[in-house]
């Protein structure tokens, strides 16, 4: 998948993570930005653990897990 596809997946993951998190995260734009970083974190974390999900849905799931982790850490810092 190209850079544009990865950006779209990351933004979608940030949106989904914002909906999953209690309180809705940090607003629409910030959730999208954190979703991009979450996609990178999720990919790194899953590869470190030896977990591999295939296809676009696998990439989306990985990015959502990473985005939720980033939003959770950011909410701890915000308090």
Protein backbone atom coordinates (compact mmCIF):
# COMPACT_ATOMS: atom_id res chain seq x y z
CA UNK A 1 0.00 0.00 0.00
CA UNK A 2 1.29 3.45 -0.84
CA UNK A 3 1.78 6.49 1.33
CA UNK A 4 -1.67 7.91 0.53
CA UNK A 5 -3.35 4.62 1.48
CA UNK A 6 -1.42 4.48 4.73
CA UNK A 7 -2.45 8.05 5.57
CA UNK A 8 -6.09 7.21 4.87
CA UNK A 9 -5.88 4.07 7.05
CA UNK A 10 -4.22 6.07 9.86
CA UNK A 11 -6.86 8.81 9.72
CA UNK A 12 -9.67 6.25 9.72
CA UNK A 13 -8.02 4.48 12.67
CA UNK A 14 -7.79 7.76 14.58
CA UNK A 15 -11.47 8.43 13.94
CA UNK A 16 -12.43 4.93 15.13
CA UNK A 17 -10.16 5.17 18.18
CA UNK A 18 -11.74 8.51 19.10
CA UNK A 19 -15.16 6.85 19.01
CA UNK A 20 -13.95 3.89 21.07
CA UNK A 21 -12.28 5.94 23.79
CA UNK A 22 -14.38 7.20 26.67
CA UNK A 23 -14.84 10.94 26.26
CA UNK A 24 -14.27 10.92 22.50
CA UNK A 25 -10.55 11.61 22.52
CA UNK A 26 -9.19 15.06 21.68
CA UNK A 27 -11.42 16.28 18.89
CA UNK A 28 -11.69 15.27 15.27
CA UNK A 29 -8.47 16.74 13.84
CA UNK A 30 -6.25 15.73 16.77
CA UNK A 31 -7.69 12.19 16.71
CA UNK A 32 -6.76 11.95 13.02
CA UNK A 33 -3.22 13.14 13.70
CA UNK A 34 -2.84 10.76 16.65
CA UNK A 35 -4.27 8.02 14.43
CA UNK A 36 -1.39 8.48 12.01
CA UNK A 37 1.12 8.05 14.83
CA UNK A 38 -0.96 5.20 16.22
CA UNK A 39 -0.70 3.35 12.94
CA UNK A 40 3.07 3.52 13.16
CA UNK A 41 3.04 2.47 16.82
CA UNK A 42 0.65 -0.41 16.16
CA UNK A 43 2.75 -1.66 13.25
CA UNK A 44 5.91 -1.53 15.35
CA UNK A 45 4.27 -3.15 18.37
CA UNK A 46 2.70 -5.98 16.40
CA UNK A 47 5.91 -6.70 14.49
CA UNK A 48 7.85 -6.77 17.78
CA UNK A 49 5.35 -9.30 19.14
CA UNK A 50 5.46 -11.35 15.93
CA UNK A 51 1.78 -10.72 15.11
CA UNK A 52 0.86 -10.20 11.48
CA UNK A 53 -2.59 -9.35 10.16
CA UNK A 54 -2.96 -9.38 6.41
CA UNK A 55 -4.81 -7.09 4.07
CA UNK A 56 -6.41 -3.71 4.48
CA UNK A 57 -8.59 -4.82 7.40
CA UNK A 58 -5.52 -6.15 9.18
CA UNK A 59 -3.73 -2.85 8.69
CA UNK A 60 -6.79 -0.99 9.92
CA UNK A 61 -7.03 -3.21 13.01
CA UNK A 62 -3.35 -2.73 13.75
CA UNK A 63 -3.67 1.03 13.34
CA UNK A 64 -6.76 1.16 15.58
CA UNK A 65 -4.94 -0.73 18.35
CA UNK A 66 -2.00 1.67 18.08
CA UNK A 67 -4.30 4.70 17.96
CA UNK A 68 -6.19 3.62 21.07
CA UNK A 69 -2.84 3.19 22.85
CA UNK A 70 -1.69 6.66 21.75
CA UNK A 71 -4.99 8.27 22.77
CA UNK A 72 -4.86 6.51 26.14
CA UNK A 73 -1.29 7.71 26.78
CA UNK A 74 -2.20 11.23 25.64
CA UNK A 75 -5.22 11.29 27.96
CA UNK A 76 -2.95 10.35 30.89
CA UNK A 77 -0.61 13.21 30.02
CA UNK A 78 -3.50 15.66 29.56
CA UNK A 79 -4.75 15.06 33.13
